[in-house]
Amino acid sequence: MALGVAGAALAGCGGEEHAQPKQRLRPLVVKEQTSAVTQGTGGYVVTWAGVIANPNRWHFGENVTATVVGRDASGKEVLRMDQPLDAVPPGGSLKFTGQATASASPAEVKLSFKPAQWREAARIPSAFVPFPISSAATEKLGNGSYLVTGGVANPFQKTATSLVVTALLRDKEGRLLAGASTYVDDVRAGTPRRFVLTVDGLNAATQVASTDITARTWGSSGRPYEELALSGAVPPSTVKPTTPPFARDRGYQAMPVDRRP
């Protein structure tokens, strides 16, 4: 009996010693951010855009908040705003934009972020398929404004109730210049929905080389994206070919045998 108790104690200690450590979750990473100030009718319009990445492949980053602070040349605070952001998907990124009005012109605008709350995803990372963007076009309107149009599709079997479409403008070096967002509702599988948005706040002399457009589910929780992923992705193609088959098999050609000595 004594030997049995000792063996059980050793087994228990060994189990604790070899127990798997809990996964250590890493914080969100700020990849890019930019801001601009323009004169408006009711004050100074402050616009901003940014990209944050989630280095954790199995967890949603939820309830993320950005704090925007603008100060004038003397250091006085002329703008403060808390902006709730949408959930950041596992191993993915979040491209966001925002706008506010300040009573005085800010000399500098800074963005800071509160830590995310982490929740383990119910599906593997590859199940969170991106929302396809098609027929995208960017047109310069003048006075530093650009019109961005296109279509967004739903790759899942369940209807997407509301999607956020974000367009980021970049120069030829790929640097972030400005951005804007809009909402598209009731996006059903196989029926792309058109979106139209305007990006403001650029200098008239700024040269825009490319537009980076993405779509995501709306809300501080990843549940809407998760529910779409749980419904399953739509098969790439279910339409039978209409062209007749080949008259004969094209066959194959064997590789020549190397007969060198």
Protein backbone atom coordinates (compact mmCIF):
# COMPACT_ATOMS: atom_id res chain seq x y z
CA MET A 1 0.00 0.00 0.00
CA ALA A 2 2.84 2.35 0.87
CA LEU A 3 4.47 1.66 -2.49
CA GLY A 4 1.16 2.34 -4.25
CA VAL A 5 0.71 5.69 -2.52
CA ALA A 6 4.29 6.70 -3.32
CA GLY A 7 3.84 5.70 -6.95
CA ALA A 8 0.62 7.72 -7.21
CA ALA A 9 2.35 10.75 -5.68
CA LEU A 10 5.22 10.48 -8.16
CA ALA A 11 2.79 10.11 -11.04
CA GLY A 12 0.91 13.20 -9.87
CA CYS A 13 4.11 15.22 -9.63
CA GLY A 14 5.20 14.07 -13.06
CA GLY A 15 1.85 15.05 -14.53
CA GLU A 16 2.12 18.56 -13.11
CA GLU A 17 5.70 18.87 -14.27
CA HIS A 18 4.80 17.96 -17.87
CA ALA A 19 1.52 19.88 -18.02
CA GLN A 20 1.11 22.06 -21.12
CA PRO A 21 1.63 25.76 -20.30
CA LYS A 22 -1.21 28.15 -21.10
CA GLN A 23 -0.83 30.02 -24.37
CA ARG A 24 0.56 33.49 -23.87
CA LEU A 25 -1.44 36.00 -25.89
CA ARG A 26 0.45 38.86 -27.50
CA PRO A 27 -0.94 42.41 -27.70
CA LEU A 28 -2.23 44.03 -30.87
CA VAL A 29 0.43 45.61 -33.08
CA VAL A 30 -0.02 49.09 -34.60
CA LYS A 31 1.27 48.70 -38.16
CA GLU A 32 0.35 52.09 -39.64
CA GLN A 33 -1.47 55.29 -38.76
CA THR A 34 -1.93 58.72 -40.29
CA SER A 35 -4.07 61.83 -39.78
CA ALA A 36 -4.98 65.05 -41.56
CA VAL A 37 -6.64 68.37 -40.64
CA THR A 38 -8.78 70.46 -43.03
CA GLN A 39 -10.84 73.61 -42.58
CA GLY A 40 -14.58 72.91 -42.37
CA THR A 41 -17.73 74.99 -42.02
CA GLY A 42 -18.15 74.24 -38.30
CA GLY A 43 -14.49 74.07 -37.31
CA TYR A 44 -11.50 71.95 -38.22
CA VAL A 45 -12.19 68.46 -39.57
CA VAL A 46 -9.73 65.87 -38.30
CA THR A 47 -9.55 62.56 -40.18
CA TRP A 48 -7.40 59.55 -39.39
CA ALA A 49 -6.71 56.03 -40.61
CA GLY A 50 -4.71 53.11 -39.32
CA VAL A 51 -3.93 49.41 -39.45
CA ILE A 52 -3.58 47.15 -36.39
CA ALA A 53 -2.62 43.47 -36.55
CA ASN A 54 -3.55 40.51 -34.37
CA PRO A 55 -0.52 38.20 -33.89
CA ASN A 56 -2.66 35.53 -32.17
CA ARG A 57 -3.84 32.95 -34.72
CA TRP A 58 -6.57 31.37 -32.57
CA HIS A 59 -8.17 34.33 -30.79
CA PHE A 60 -10.35 37.31 -31.65
CA GLY A 61 -9.27 40.69 -30.32
CA GLU A 62 -12.51 42.26 -29.06
CA ASN A 63 -13.69 45.52 -27.45
CA VAL A 64 -10.75 47.47 -28.83
CA THR A 65 -10.89 51.25 -28.36
CA ALA A 66 -8.77 53.94 -30.00
CA THR A 67 -8.29 57.26 -28.21
CA VAL A 68 -7.67 60.23 -30.51
CA VAL A 69 -6.08 63.33 -28.96
CA GLY A 70 -5.34 66.56 -30.82
CA ARG A 71 -3.29 69.45 -29.41
CA ASP A 72 -2.62 72.91 -30.75
CA ALA A 73 0.80 74.54 -31.12
CA SER A 74 0.86 75.54 -27.43
CA GLY A 75 0.10 71.99 -26.29
CA LYS A 76 -3.51 72.67 -25.36
CA GLU A 77 -5.89 69.79 -25.94
CA VAL A 78 -8.47 70.74 -28.60
CA LEU A 79 -9.78 67.26 -29.44
CA ARG A 80 -10.32 64.06 -27.50
CA MET A 81 -12.43 61.18 -28.73
CA ASP A 82 -12.78 57.47 -27.90
CA GLN A 83 -13.51 55.39 -30.98
CA PRO A 84 -14.75 51.79 -30.48
CA LEU A 85 -13.20 49.57 -33.15
CA ASP A 86 -14.46 46.40 -34.76
CA ALA A 87 -13.14 43.02 -33.66
CA VAL A 88 -9.76 41.97 -35.06
CA PRO A 89 -9.93 38.45 -36.56
CA PRO A 90 -7.50 35.69 -35.53
CA GLY A 91 -4.14 36.19 -37.20
CA GLY A 92 -5.60 39.04 -39.26
CA SER A 93 -5.62 42.82 -39.28
CA LEU A 94 -8.08 45.66 -38.88
CA LYS A 95 -8.04 48.68 -41.20
CA PHE A 96 -10.02 51.53 -39.69
CA THR A 97 -10.78 55.20 -40.26
CA GLY A 98 -12.43 57.99 -38.30
CA GLN A 99 -13.42 61.65 -38.33
CA ALA A 100 -14.16 64.36 -35.77
CA THR A 101 -14.45 68.16 -35.59
CA ALA A 102 -12.16 70.31 -33.43
CA SER A 103 -12.79 73.92 -32.37
CA ALA A 104 -9.17 74.87 -33.10
CA SER A 105 -6.62 73.51 -35.55
CA PRO A 106 -4.57 70.70 -33.97
CA ALA A 107 -0.83 70.91 -34.57
CA GLU A 108 -0.49 67.19 -33.81
CA VAL A 109 -2.88 64.25 -33.58
CA LYS A 110 -1.99 61.09 -31.66
CA LEU A 111 -3.77 57.74 -31.50
CA SER A 112 -3.46 55.32 -28.60
CA PHE A 113 -5.18 51.97 -28.08
CA LYS A 114 -6.58 50.23 -25.04
CA PRO A 115 -5.70 46.51 -24.67
CA ALA A 116 -8.03 44.05 -26.40
CA GLN A 117 -10.10 41.39 -24.70
CA TRP A 118 -9.25 37.96 -26.10
CA ARG A 119 -11.70 35.19 -27.00
CA GLU A 120 -10.81 31.87 -28.58
CA ALA A 121 -12.35 31.37 -32.03
CA ALA A 122 -14.72 28.47 -32.68
CA ARG A 123 -13.18 27.70 -36.09
CA ILE A 124 -9.67 27.27 -37.48
CA PRO A 125 -8.06 30.41 -38.95
CA SER A 126 -8.54 29.31 -42.58
CA ALA A 127 -12.33 29.23 -42.07
CA PHE A 128 -12.43 33.05 -41.82
CA VAL A 129 -12.42 33.71 -45.55
CA PRO A 130 -11.99 37.38 -46.64
CA PHE A 131 -14.83 39.22 -48.35
CA PRO A 132 -13.99 39.57 -52.08
CA ILE A 133 -13.84 43.06 -53.60
CA SER A 134 -14.60 43.49 -57.32
CA SER A 135 -14.86 46.26 -59.93
CA ALA A 136 -12.91 48.66 -57.72
CA ALA A 137 -12.24 52.14 -59.10
CA THR A 138 -10.70 55.31 -57.65
CA GLU A 139 -11.46 58.73 -59.17
CA LYS A 140 -9.89 62.04 -58.23
CA LEU A 141 -12.54 64.69 -57.52
CA GLY A 142 -10.29 67.65 -56.77
CA ASN A 143 -9.52 69.60 -53.58
CA GLY A 144 -7.85 66.52 -52.11
CA SER A 145 -10.91 64.26 -52.40
CA TYR A 146 -11.21 60.85 -54.07
CA LEU A 147 -14.28 58.80 -54.99
CA VAL A 148 -13.92 55.04 -54.43
CA THR A 149 -16.49 52.61 -55.84
CA GLY A 150 -16.78 48.86 -56.26
CA GLY A 151 -18.63 45.75 -55.15
CA VAL A 152 -18.31 43.52 -52.09
CA ALA A 153 -19.32 39.84 -52.09
CA ASN A 154 -20.16 37.38 -49.34
CA PRO A 155 -18.18 34.11 -49.53
CA PHE A 156 -20.35 32.40 -46.88
CA GLN A 157 -23.69 30.60 -47.12
CA LYS A 158 -25.33 32.79 -44.47
CA THR A 159 -26.33 36.37 -45.30
CA ALA A 160 -24.04 39.05 -43.88
CA THR A 161 -26.32 41.51 -42.06
CA SER A 162 -23.89 44.46 -42.15
CA LEU A 163 -20.37 44.87 -43.50
CA VAL A 164 -17.90 47.73 -43.16
CA VAL A 165 -15.95 48.61 -46.31
CA THR A 166 -12.71 50.54 -45.75
CA ALA A 167 -10.57 52.13 -48.46
CA LEU A 168 -7.00 53.23 -47.73
CA LEU A 169 -5.12 55.43 -50.22
CA ARG A 170 -1.36 54.91 -50.63
CA ASP A 171 1.48 56.59 -52.52
CA LYS A 172 3.87 54.82 -54.89
CA GLU A 173 6.07 53.74 -51.95
CA GLY A 174 3.06 52.13 -50.28
CA ARG A 175 2.82 54.70 -47.47
CA LEU A 176 -0.61 55.28 -45.97
CA LEU A 177 -2.05 58.67 -46.96
CA ALA A 178 -5.71 58.69 -45.91
CA GLY A 179 -8.82 56.55 -45.77
CA ALA A 180 -12.58 56.35 -45.34
CA SER A 181 -15.24 53.75 -44.52
CA THR A 182 -18.86 53.02 -45.38
CA TYR A 183 -21.50 50.40 -44.52
CA VAL A 184 -23.18 47.83 -46.77
CA ASP A 185 -26.19 45.87 -45.49
CA ASP A 186 -27.82 42.55 -46.43
CA VAL A 187 -24.97 41.03 -48.45
CA ARG A 188 -26.14 37.62 -49.66
CA ALA A 189 -24.07 34.82 -51.10
CA GLY A 190 -23.69 35.15 -54.86
CA THR A 191 -25.08 38.70 -54.95
CA PRO A 192 -22.36 41.38 -54.62
CA ARG A 193 -23.45 44.74 -53.23
CA ARG A 194 -22.17 48.05 -54.57
CA PHE A 195 -20.42 50.55 -52.30
CA VAL A 196 -19.53 54.22 -52.76
CA LEU A 197 -17.36 56.31 -50.43
CA THR A 198 -15.34 59.53 -50.50
CA VAL A 199 -11.87 59.97 -49.03
CA ASP A 200 -11.14 63.56 -47.94
CA GLY A 201 -8.31 65.42 -46.24
CA LEU A 202 -5.53 64.99 -48.79
CA ASN A 203 -3.35 67.77 -50.11
CA ALA A 204 -4.27 68.66 -53.69
CA ALA A 205 -0.70 67.97 -54.81
CA THR A 206 -0.58 64.50 -53.24
CA GLN A 207 -0.16 61.68 -55.74
CA VAL A 208 -2.23 58.57 -55.00
CA ALA A 209 -0.79 55.41 -56.55
CA SER A 210 -3.05 52.66 -55.17
CA THR A 211 -6.19 51.97 -53.16
CA ASP A 212 -6.35 49.19 -50.56
CA ILE A 213 -9.98 48.08 -50.07
CA THR A 214 -11.17 45.54 -47.48
CA ALA A 215 -14.48 44.53 -45.91
CA ARG A 216 -15.25 43.13 -42.46
CA THR A 217 -18.18 42.40 -40.16
CA TRP A 218 -19.41 45.26 -38.00
CA GLY A 219 -19.22 45.30 -34.19
CA SER A 220 -16.78 45.06 -31.29
CA SER A 221 -17.38 41.29 -31.05
CA GLY A 222 -16.20 38.64 -33.49
CA ARG A 223 -19.49 36.73 -33.19
CA PRO A 224 -20.95 37.93 -36.53
CA TYR A 225 -17.84 36.80 -38.42
CA GLU A 226 -17.79 33.55 -36.46
CA GLU A 227 -21.44 32.79 -37.28
CA LEU A 228 -20.74 33.33 -40.97
CA ALA A 229 -17.76 30.98 -40.81
CA LEU A 230 -19.83 28.35 -38.98
CA SER A 231 -22.38 28.40 -41.83
CA GLY A 232 -19.64 27.31 -44.23
CA ALA A 233 -18.12 28.89 -47.30
CA VAL A 234 -19.87 28.79 -50.65
CA PRO A 235 -18.24 26.30 -53.08
CA PRO A 236 -16.09 28.07 -55.68
CA SER A 237 -18.24 26.83 -58.58
CA THR A 238 -21.33 24.62 -58.83
CA VAL A 239 -22.17 25.26 -62.49
CA LYS A 240 -21.58 22.41 -64.92
CA PRO A 241 -19.39 23.20 -67.95
CA THR A 242 -21.33 24.02 -71.13
CA THR A 243 -18.54 23.33 -73.66
CA PRO A 244 -18.26 19.84 -75.19
CA PRO A 245 -15.50 17.53 -73.95
CA PHE A 246 -12.31 16.93 -75.96
CA ALA A 247 -12.70 14.51 -78.88
CA ARG A 248 -9.80 12.47 -77.50
CA ASP A 249 -7.52 12.56 -74.52
CA ARG A 250 -4.50 14.76 -75.06
CA GLY A 251 -2.39 12.05 -73.49
CA TYR A 252 1.08 12.61 -72.15
CA GLN A 253 4.65 12.53 -73.35
CA ALA A 254 7.18 10.45 -71.47
CA MET A 255 10.46 12.04 -70.53
CA PRO A 256 13.44 10.81 -72.59
CA VAL A 257 15.74 8.36 -70.88
CA ASP A 258 19.17 9.70 -70.01
CA ARG A 259 21.64 7.30 -71.67
CA ARG A 260 24.81 9.22 -70.94
CA PRO A 261 27.67 7.09 -69.59
